[in-house]
């Protein structure tokens, strides 16, 4: 089975227990824009294949910033920043999924 190269090799889990596997960058952007509602405040993104303790996640409350986190191994290797632009969050997540520099 050939894998569509336009899809990101990631698994996205939502607070409301939905799982999205091998999705496109536009679909990831939709998920980022969606968060912030009741019972749907965050996304956790892991690469496929999974590397334990390596992930990115974002949380958002209505009217607030996007709290963006990146873990690169066991605690304490987590970086956190606050971002106001959901498109920037989605772009960074897609670049991370593709393992692009920058």
N, C-alpha and C. Protein backbone atom coordinates (compact mmCIF):
# COMPACT_ATOMS: atom_id res chain seq x y z
N UNK A 1 0.84 -1.18 0.00
CA UNK A 1 0.00 0.00 0.00
C UNK A 1 0.88 1.24 0.00
N UNK A 2 0.67 2.12 -0.94
CA UNK A 2 1.45 3.34 -1.04
C UNK A 2 0.84 4.42 -0.14
N UNK A 3 1.71 5.13 0.58
CA UNK A 3 1.26 6.19 1.48
C UNK A 3 1.29 7.52 0.73
N UNK A 4 0.20 8.27 0.83
CA UNK A 4 0.10 9.59 0.21
C UNK A 4 1.11 10.52 0.87
N UNK A 5 2.07 11.04 0.11
CA UNK A 5 3.12 11.87 0.67
C UNK A 5 2.62 13.25 1.10
N UNK A 6 1.41 13.63 0.68
CA UNK A 6 0.86 14.91 1.12
C UNK A 6 0.30 14.82 2.54
N UNK A 7 0.20 13.60 3.06
CA UNK A 7 -0.28 13.42 4.42
C UNK A 7 0.89 13.47 5.39
N UNK A 8 0.64 14.01 6.55
CA UNK A 8 1.66 14.10 7.59
C UNK A 8 1.70 12.79 8.37
N UNK A 9 2.88 12.29 8.65
CA UNK A 9 3.05 11.04 9.39
C UNK A 9 2.92 11.33 10.88
N UNK A 10 1.69 11.65 11.29
CA UNK A 10 1.41 12.00 12.68
C UNK A 10 0.11 11.36 13.14
N UNK A 11 -0.01 11.30 14.46
CA UNK A 11 -1.27 10.93 15.10
C UNK A 11 -1.65 12.09 16.00
N UNK A 12 -2.87 12.59 15.84
CA UNK A 12 -3.36 13.71 16.63
C UNK A 12 -4.46 13.20 17.55
N UNK A 13 -4.31 13.48 18.84
CA UNK A 13 -5.35 13.13 19.80
C UNK A 13 -5.95 14.41 20.36
N UNK A 14 -7.27 14.41 20.52
CA UNK A 14 -7.97 15.58 21.04
C UNK A 14 -8.45 15.31 22.46
N UNK A 15 -8.79 16.38 23.16
CA UNK A 15 -9.31 16.24 24.52
C UNK A 15 -10.59 15.40 24.53
N UNK A 16 -11.40 15.52 23.48
CA UNK A 16 -12.65 14.76 23.45
C UNK A 16 -12.47 13.36 22.88
N UNK A 17 -11.24 12.87 22.94
CA UNK A 17 -10.87 11.48 22.64
C UNK A 17 -10.98 11.08 21.17
N UNK A 18 -10.94 12.05 20.29
CA UNK A 18 -10.88 11.73 18.87
C UNK A 18 -9.41 11.51 18.50
N UNK A 19 -9.18 10.60 17.58
CA UNK A 19 -7.83 10.35 17.06
C UNK A 19 -7.86 10.54 15.55
N UNK A 20 -6.89 11.27 15.06
CA UNK A 20 -6.75 11.53 13.62
C UNK A 20 -5.35 11.06 13.23
N UNK A 21 -5.27 10.14 12.27
CA UNK A 21 -3.99 9.55 11.89
C UNK A 21 -3.69 9.86 10.43
N UNK A 22 -2.43 10.25 10.18
CA UNK A 22 -1.96 10.56 8.81
C UNK A 22 -2.92 11.53 8.13
N UNK A 23 -2.93 12.75 8.64
CA UNK A 23 -3.82 13.77 8.10
C UNK A 23 -3.02 14.80 7.30
N UNK A 24 -3.71 15.59 6.52
CA UNK A 24 -3.05 16.64 5.73
C UNK A 24 -2.78 17.86 6.59
N UNK A 25 -1.90 18.73 6.12
CA UNK A 25 -1.62 19.98 6.83
C UNK A 25 -2.89 20.85 6.92
N UNK A 26 -3.71 20.94 5.86
CA UNK A 26 -4.95 21.71 6.00
C UNK A 26 -5.89 21.14 7.07
N UNK A 27 -5.96 19.82 7.18
CA UNK A 27 -6.81 19.21 8.22
C UNK A 27 -6.24 19.51 9.60
N UNK A 28 -4.93 19.49 9.76
CA UNK A 28 -4.31 19.85 11.03
C UNK A 28 -4.65 21.29 11.38
N UNK A 29 -4.59 22.18 10.41
CA UNK A 29 -4.95 23.58 10.62
C UNK A 29 -6.40 23.70 11.11
N UNK A 30 -7.31 22.93 10.51
CA UNK A 30 -8.71 22.94 10.95
C UNK A 30 -8.82 22.52 12.42
N UNK A 31 -8.08 21.50 12.80
CA UNK A 31 -8.13 21.03 14.19
C UNK A 31 -7.60 22.10 15.15
N UNK A 32 -6.52 22.78 14.77
CA UNK A 32 -5.97 23.84 15.62
C UNK A 32 -7.00 24.96 15.78
N UNK A 33 -7.64 25.34 14.69
CA UNK A 33 -8.64 26.41 14.75
C UNK A 33 -9.87 26.00 15.57
N UNK A 34 -10.15 24.71 15.62
CA UNK A 34 -11.35 24.21 16.31
C UNK A 34 -11.22 24.24 17.82
N UNK A 35 -10.00 24.04 18.34
CA UNK A 35 -9.88 23.89 19.78
C UNK A 35 -10.23 25.18 20.52
N UNK A 36 -10.68 24.99 21.75
CA UNK A 36 -11.07 26.13 22.58
C UNK A 36 -12.51 26.04 23.03
N UNK A 37 -13.25 25.08 22.49
CA UNK A 37 -14.64 24.91 22.89
C UNK A 37 -14.76 23.97 24.08
N UNK A 38 -15.96 23.85 24.59
CA UNK A 38 -16.21 22.98 25.75
C UNK A 38 -15.76 21.55 25.45
N UNK A 39 -14.92 21.01 26.32
CA UNK A 39 -14.44 19.64 26.17
C UNK A 39 -13.51 19.43 25.00
N UNK A 40 -12.99 20.50 24.43
CA UNK A 40 -12.13 20.38 23.25
C UNK A 40 -11.08 21.49 23.29
N UNK A 41 -10.19 21.43 24.27
CA UNK A 41 -9.23 22.51 24.52
C UNK A 41 -7.81 22.22 24.04
N UNK A 42 -7.48 20.98 23.68
CA UNK A 42 -6.09 20.72 23.34
C UNK A 42 -5.94 19.64 22.28
N UNK A 43 -4.75 19.64 21.66
CA UNK A 43 -4.32 18.61 20.72
C UNK A 43 -2.96 18.10 21.17
N UNK A 44 -2.75 16.81 21.07
CA UNK A 44 -1.44 16.19 21.31
C UNK A 44 -1.04 15.51 20.00
N UNK A 45 0.15 15.83 19.52
CA UNK A 45 0.60 15.33 18.22
C UNK A 45 1.88 14.52 18.41
N UNK A 46 1.85 13.28 17.89
CA UNK A 46 3.02 12.40 17.92
C UNK A 46 3.36 12.00 16.50
N UNK A 47 4.64 11.80 16.25
CA UNK A 47 5.07 11.33 14.93
C UNK A 47 4.77 9.84 14.80
N UNK A 48 4.68 9.40 13.56
CA UNK A 48 4.57 7.98 13.24
C UNK A 48 5.84 7.61 12.49
N UNK A 49 6.63 6.64 12.97
CA UNK A 49 6.40 5.86 14.19
C UNK A 49 6.66 6.70 15.43
N UNK A 50 5.99 6.34 16.50
CA UNK A 50 6.07 7.07 17.75
C UNK A 50 7.45 6.95 18.38
N UNK A 51 7.92 8.06 18.94
CA UNK A 51 9.13 8.06 19.76
C UNK A 51 8.68 8.45 21.16
N UNK A 52 8.80 7.57 22.13
CA UNK A 52 8.31 7.87 23.48
C UNK A 52 8.85 9.20 24.01
N UNK A 53 7.97 9.96 24.64
CA UNK A 53 8.29 11.24 25.28
C UNK A 53 8.71 12.32 24.28
N UNK A 54 8.39 12.14 23.00
CA UNK A 54 8.66 13.17 21.99
C UNK A 54 7.32 13.51 21.34
N UNK A 55 6.87 14.75 21.57
CA UNK A 55 5.59 15.17 21.02
C UNK A 55 5.48 16.68 21.06
N UNK A 56 4.45 17.19 20.40
CA UNK A 56 4.08 18.59 20.53
C UNK A 56 2.61 18.62 20.92
N UNK A 57 2.23 19.68 21.60
CA UNK A 57 0.83 19.83 21.95
C UNK A 57 0.49 21.30 22.04
N UNK A 58 -0.79 21.58 21.92
CA UNK A 58 -1.27 22.95 22.03
C UNK A 58 -2.58 22.93 22.80
N UNK A 59 -2.74 23.93 23.65
CA UNK A 59 -3.98 24.11 24.41
C UNK A 59 -4.48 25.53 24.17
N UNK A 60 -5.80 25.68 24.19
CA UNK A 60 -6.39 27.00 23.92
C UNK A 60 -7.70 27.15 24.67
N UNK A 61 -7.84 28.28 25.34
CA UNK A 61 -9.09 28.67 25.98
C UNK A 61 -9.70 29.79 25.14
N UNK A 62 -11.03 29.85 25.02
CA UNK A 62 -11.65 30.91 24.23
C UNK A 62 -11.16 32.30 24.66
N UNK A 63 -10.76 33.10 23.68
CA UNK A 63 -10.28 34.45 23.96
C UNK A 63 -8.86 34.52 24.48
N UNK A 64 -8.22 33.38 24.66
CA UNK A 64 -6.86 33.36 25.19
C UNK A 64 -5.83 33.01 24.14
N UNK A 65 -4.60 32.88 24.61
CA UNK A 65 -3.49 32.51 23.73
C UNK A 65 -3.49 31.00 23.50
N UNK A 66 -2.68 30.58 22.55
CA UNK A 66 -2.43 29.16 22.32
C UNK A 66 -1.16 28.82 23.08
N UNK A 67 -1.26 27.93 24.06
CA UNK A 67 -0.07 27.49 24.80
C UNK A 67 0.51 26.31 24.04
N UNK A 68 1.67 26.53 23.47
CA UNK A 68 2.31 25.57 22.57
C UNK A 68 3.47 24.91 23.31
N UNK A 69 3.51 23.58 23.32
CA UNK A 69 4.54 22.85 24.06
C UNK A 69 5.22 21.84 23.14
N UNK A 70 6.51 21.67 23.37
CA UNK A 70 7.31 20.70 22.61
C UNK A 70 8.15 19.90 23.58
N UNK A 71 7.99 18.62 23.57
CA UNK A 71 8.81 17.75 24.42
C UNK A 71 9.74 16.96 23.53
N UNK A 72 11.02 16.91 23.94
CA UNK A 72 12.04 16.22 23.15
C UNK A 72 12.67 15.06 23.90
N UNK A 73 12.05 14.61 24.95
CA UNK A 73 12.56 13.50 25.73
C UNK A 73 11.96 13.53 27.11
N UNK A 74 12.53 12.76 28.01
CA UNK A 74 11.98 12.72 29.36
C UNK A 74 12.06 14.09 30.04
N UNK A 75 11.24 14.28 31.04
CA UNK A 75 11.25 15.53 31.81
C UNK A 75 12.69 15.79 32.24
N UNK A 76 13.23 16.96 32.16
CA UNK A 76 12.59 18.26 32.01
C UNK A 76 12.67 18.83 30.61
N UNK A 77 12.79 18.02 29.59
CA UNK A 77 13.01 18.52 28.24
C UNK A 77 11.71 18.91 27.55
N UNK A 78 11.06 19.96 28.08
CA UNK A 78 9.85 20.49 27.47
C UNK A 78 9.99 22.00 27.35
N UNK A 79 9.66 22.50 26.17
CA UNK A 79 9.68 23.94 25.93
C UNK A 79 8.25 24.40 25.74
N UNK A 80 7.93 25.56 26.33
CA UNK A 80 6.58 26.10 26.28
C UNK A 80 6.64 27.55 25.81
N UNK A 81 5.72 27.92 24.94
CA UNK A 81 5.59 29.31 24.51
C UNK A 81 4.12 29.62 24.31
N UNK A 82 3.79 30.89 24.34
CA UNK A 82 2.42 31.31 24.08
C UNK A 82 2.37 32.01 22.73
N UNK A 83 1.38 31.64 21.94
CA UNK A 83 1.24 32.14 20.58
C UNK A 83 -0.19 32.66 20.42
N UNK A 84 -0.36 33.77 19.70
CA UNK A 84 -1.70 34.31 19.50
C UNK A 84 -2.31 33.90 18.16
N UNK A 85 -1.49 33.42 17.23
CA UNK A 85 -1.95 33.12 15.87
C UNK A 85 -2.10 31.61 15.66
N UNK A 86 -3.33 31.10 15.50
CA UNK A 86 -3.50 29.67 15.30
C UNK A 86 -2.87 29.16 14.01
N UNK A 87 -2.78 30.02 12.98
CA UNK A 87 -2.14 29.59 11.74
C UNK A 87 -0.64 29.35 11.94
N UNK A 88 0.00 30.16 12.76
CA UNK A 88 1.41 29.95 13.08
C UNK A 88 1.58 28.63 13.82
N UNK A 89 0.69 28.34 14.76
CA UNK A 89 0.73 27.07 15.49
C UNK A 89 0.63 25.91 14.50
N UNK A 90 -0.34 25.95 13.61
CA UNK A 90 -0.54 24.87 12.64
C UNK A 90 0.66 24.73 11.71
N UNK A 91 1.24 25.85 11.28
CA UNK A 91 2.41 25.80 10.40
C UNK A 91 3.61 25.16 11.11
N UNK A 92 3.84 25.55 12.35
CA UNK A 92 4.96 24.97 13.11
C UNK A 92 4.73 23.48 13.32
N UNK A 93 3.51 23.09 13.63
CA UNK A 93 3.20 21.67 13.83
C UNK A 93 3.45 20.88 12.55
N UNK A 94 3.05 21.41 11.41
CA UNK A 94 3.26 20.72 10.14
C UNK A 94 4.75 20.60 9.83
N UNK A 95 5.51 21.67 10.07
CA UNK A 95 6.97 21.63 9.85
C UNK A 95 7.62 20.60 10.77
N UNK A 96 7.16 20.54 12.03
CA UNK A 96 7.68 19.55 12.98
C UNK A 96 7.38 18.14 12.47
N UNK A 97 6.16 17.93 11.98
CA UNK A 97 5.77 16.62 11.47
C UNK A 97 6.64 16.19 10.29
N UNK A 98 7.00 17.16 9.45
CA UNK A 98 7.85 16.87 8.28
C UNK A 98 9.34 16.83 8.63
N UNK A 99 9.65 17.16 9.88
CA UNK A 99 11.03 17.21 10.37
C UNK A 99 11.86 18.22 9.58
N UNK A 100 11.23 19.36 9.28
CA UNK A 100 11.91 20.44 8.57
C UNK A 100 12.73 21.27 9.54
N UNK A 101 13.80 21.87 9.03
CA UNK A 101 14.60 22.78 9.85
C UNK A 101 13.85 24.07 10.09
N UNK A 102 14.24 24.77 11.16
CA UNK A 102 13.69 26.09 11.44
C UNK A 102 12.55 25.99 12.31
